Amino acid sequence: MIVKSGFMELSSPSILEAVSSAVEEGAEKLVVVPVLLANSRHTTEDIPRLLRMKKGQSHGTLRIKEREVQVVYCNPIGADPRLAEILLDRATTALENFGLGTKIDSMNDAGNEIFEESMCIIRQLLAKDFEVMDPHTVPIVERVVHATAEPEFARLLTFSKDAVKSGLAALRDGADIVADVKMVESGINARTVQRLGSRVLTYTDDERTISLADRMKITRTAAAMQIAAAEGLDGDIVIIGNSPTAALAVADIVKRNVARPAVVIATPVGFVKAAESKEEISTLPVPYIITRGVKGGSAVAVAIMNALLTMARQ
C-alpha cells in the first residue's frame, strides 16, 4: 500500500502531484480520502473536479503519465471519536506545559466515564474469552476492541511468549518506537511517550529512504525500515500498522541478524501480502504481537501501542 498526502492550496504537494507520485511508485488503483471533519465545497466539488469526477460520483478513471488508473473517492474521515482522543491528548500536553492542566479536568472526567462504560460492555461481551486469556494481554485486547468496535479481534490478536513483558521493559528503559507510517505515529500518545523518555520515529520522509527506495525499486516503507535498522533497532519497538512490505523488510532484517527489536507489532490490513507478512513476523526469534489474516490496520496498531504505554506507566 502506498500512502500519499496532497493539499488543495497553499501547501505542497498538490492533490494531483500526490496521486501522480503514487502512480509512479506503482499504484494501480487510487483510493482518495479527504482528511476533513465534514463535507464541504472542497469535498463535494473541488476535489472531485481535480480527479475528473462529477459531483456525487464515487468511482472513475484518471489519466496519469499515459496510464489510465481507477479512482475510488471516499467520504471525509468525519468527526470520529478516535480523533477526539488525539485532540484531547495534544491539548492536555500543551496546557500542562503552561501549568494549566487542571483547566480540562472536567473534559477528562467525562471522557473517562464514556471510556469506562465502553470497557464494561466489552468485558461483558468477551467474558468467556478473557477467562482463558493470558491476563497480561487482556488490557491490550480491550483497547483494540474499543478502538475498532470489533470483538473479533479478541480472537485475531496473537501474542508470542513474553511479548507484553518485553514491550513493557523496553518502554520503561526509554526505548524508541519506530513506526512504518506517519498515520501510526500521529495516533500514539505523545505525552506518555515523552514521560517515559522514549521517542516515536518514522523514516518514510527521510531523504535516505527516498533515495534507497528509488535505487532499489522497493516501497518507501520497506526502505524506511532498512534506514531504521542502520540507525539501530536493537531493543527498540517496531510498530507496523499499514505496510506489509515494511513487515517483510523487518522480517528480513531480523533473519539476517542486522537488528533485534524488543518487540514487533505488526497489523497491516489488506488482501495483498498483509496476512503473509504477519505470518512471516510470527516465525521470527523475537517477541511479536500480530493480527492473523487480512484484518488489522493503523488503528489496531495504535491501540496496541497505547495500551502498552498505559501499562508501562502503571
Foldseek 3Di string as FASTA:
>chain_A
DDDFDADCDDDDDHPVVRVLVVVVLPDQAAEDEAQDAADDCCLQPVVCVVQVHHGPDQWDWHQHPNDIHIYGYDYHPHDDVLVVVLVVLVVLVVCVVVVNNVVCVVVVVVVVVVLVVLLVVLCVVCVVLCVPDDVLCVLLLSLLCSLVVDNCQSVQKDWDPCQLVLLLVLLLVQAEEEELDVLLVSSANPVLSVVSNHYYDYCLPPPQLVVVCVVVSHHSSLSRLVVVLVVAQAAHEYFYFADLSNLQSVLVCQVVVSYAYSEYEAEHADDPNRQVSVVSVVVGPHIYIYGHDRGTGSSSRNSNNNSSSVVSVD
